[in-house]
């Protein structure tokens, strides 16, 4: 997608992230785990902690664990 417009690249990145999140949800449901898809996160702090490059973006975060019993 090197020559594509930034808006188009962003749209595909968000769609791909959503597909991945859905797959995580499906896995968690089949394995008895709980998960939450999060958009409200401190993206700059997380990007710094993960040592991401300037052209890498955090779109969403997903928590996985055991639900309340």
C-alpha atoms as a PDB file:
ATOM      1  CA  UNK A   1       0.000   0.000   0.000  1.00  0.00           C
ATOM      2  CA  UNK A   2       3.019   2.255  -0.438  1.00  0.00           C
ATOM      3  CA  UNK A   3       1.336   4.630  -2.876  1.00  0.00           C
ATOM      4  CA  UNK A   4      -2.082   4.639  -1.204  1.00  0.00           C
ATOM      5  CA  UNK A   5      -3.468   7.702   0.541  1.00  0.00           C
ATOM      6  CA  UNK A   6      -2.950   7.950   4.296  1.00  0.00           C
ATOM      7  CA  UNK A   7      -6.710   7.782   4.892  1.00  0.00           C
ATOM      8  CA  UNK A   8      -6.931   4.520   2.946  1.00  0.00           C
ATOM      9  CA  UNK A   9      -4.013   2.996   4.850  1.00  0.00           C
ATOM     10  CA  UNK A  10      -5.599   4.008   8.159  1.00  0.00           C
ATOM     11  CA  UNK A  11      -8.959   2.526   7.167  1.00  0.00           C
ATOM     12  CA  UNK A  12      -7.377  -0.832   6.309  1.00  0.00           C
ATOM     13  CA  UNK A  13      -5.289  -0.803   9.491  1.00  0.00           C
ATOM     14  CA  UNK A  14      -8.387  -0.232  11.628  1.00  0.00           C
ATOM     15  CA  UNK A  15     -10.321  -2.949   9.796  1.00  0.00           C
ATOM     16  CA  UNK A  16      -7.445  -5.419  10.212  1.00  0.00           C
ATOM     17  CA  UNK A  17      -7.164  -4.600  13.922  1.00  0.00           C
ATOM     18  CA  UNK A  18     -10.898  -5.205  14.311  1.00  0.00           C
ATOM     19  CA  UNK A  19     -10.629  -8.584  12.554  1.00  0.00           C
ATOM     20  CA  UNK A  20      -7.759  -9.592  14.838  1.00  0.00           C
ATOM     21  CA  UNK A  21      -9.746  -8.471  17.892  1.00  0.00           C
ATOM     22  CA  UNK A  22     -12.709 -10.548  16.761  1.00  0.00           C
ATOM     23  CA  UNK A  23     -10.478 -13.608  16.394  1.00  0.00           C
ATOM     24  CA  UNK A  24      -9.175 -13.061  19.930  1.00  0.00           C
ATOM     25  CA  UNK A  25     -12.785 -12.823  21.169  1.00  0.00           C
ATOM     26  CA  UNK A  26     -13.653 -16.095  19.422  1.00  0.00           C
ATOM     27  CA  UNK A  27     -10.615 -17.864  20.857  1.00  0.00           C
ATOM     28  CA  UNK A  28     -11.351 -16.584  24.361  1.00  0.00           C
ATOM     29  CA  UNK A  29     -14.985 -17.675  24.117  1.00  0.00           C
ATOM     30  CA  UNK A  30     -13.922 -21.171  23.057  1.00  0.00           C
ATOM     31  CA  UNK A  31     -11.287 -21.454  25.798  1.00  0.00           C
ATOM     32  CA  UNK A  32     -13.264 -20.041  28.749  1.00  0.00           C
ATOM     33  CA  UNK A  33     -11.422 -16.722  28.899  1.00  0.00           C
ATOM     34  CA  UNK A  34     -12.749 -13.174  29.111  1.00  0.00           C
ATOM     35  CA  UNK A  35     -11.602 -10.292  26.918  1.00  0.00           C
ATOM     36  CA  UNK A  36     -12.221  -6.577  26.497  1.00  0.00           C
ATOM     37  CA  UNK A  37     -11.390  -4.562  23.364  1.00  0.00           C
ATOM     38  CA  UNK A  38     -10.168  -1.091  24.382  1.00  0.00           C
ATOM     39  CA  UNK A  39      -9.744   2.095  22.372  1.00  0.00           C
ATOM     40  CA  UNK A  40      -9.291   4.438  25.350  1.00  0.00           C
ATOM     41  CA  UNK A  41      -5.657   3.823  26.272  1.00  0.00           C
ATOM     42  CA  UNK A  42      -2.569   5.984  26.763  1.00  0.00           C
ATOM     43  CA  UNK A  43      -1.214   5.346  23.268  1.00  0.00           C
ATOM     44  CA  UNK A  44       1.962   7.481  23.574  1.00  0.00           C
ATOM     45  CA  UNK A  45       2.991   5.821  26.865  1.00  0.00           C
ATOM     46  CA  UNK A  46       2.306   2.329  25.526  1.00  0.00           C
ATOM     47  CA  UNK A  47       4.151   3.058  22.264  1.00  0.00           C
ATOM     48  CA  UNK A  48       7.139   4.283  24.273  1.00  0.00           C
ATOM     49  CA  UNK A  49       7.095   1.196  26.524  1.00  0.00           C
ATOM     50  CA  UNK A  50       6.923  -1.038  23.435  1.00  0.00           C
ATOM     51  CA  UNK A  51       9.702   0.996  21.728  1.00  0.00           C
ATOM     52  CA  UNK A  52       7.651   1.464  18.565  1.00  0.00           C
ATOM     53  CA  UNK A  53       8.947   3.417  15.576  1.00  0.00           C
ATOM     54  CA  UNK A  54       7.286   6.692  14.587  1.00  0.00           C
ATOM     55  CA  UNK A  55       5.448   5.010  11.712  1.00  0.00           C
ATOM     56  CA  UNK A  56       3.953   2.311  13.987  1.00  0.00           C
ATOM     57  CA  UNK A  57       0.604   3.055  15.640  1.00  0.00           C
ATOM     58  CA  UNK A  58      -1.392   1.517  18.451  1.00  0.00           C
ATOM     59  CA  UNK A  59      -5.010   1.381  17.361  1.00  0.00           C
ATOM     60  CA  UNK A  60      -6.567  -0.703  20.099  1.00  0.00           C
ATOM     61  CA  UNK A  61      -5.676  -2.755  23.128  1.00  0.00           C
ATOM     62  CA  UNK A  62      -7.231  -6.012  24.241  1.00  0.00           C
ATOM     63  CA  UNK A  63      -7.196  -7.368  27.762  1.00  0.00           C
ATOM     64  CA  UNK A  64      -7.441 -11.158  28.145  1.00  0.00           C
ATOM     65  CA  UNK A  65      -7.918 -13.041  31.384  1.00  0.00           C
ATOM     66  CA  UNK A  66     -10.270 -15.037  33.545  1.00  0.00           C
ATOM     67  CA  UNK A  67     -13.736 -13.616  34.168  1.00  0.00           C
ATOM     68  CA  UNK A  68     -15.441 -13.310  37.547  1.00  0.00           C
ATOM     69  CA  UNK A  69     -16.750 -16.555  38.978  1.00  0.00           C
END
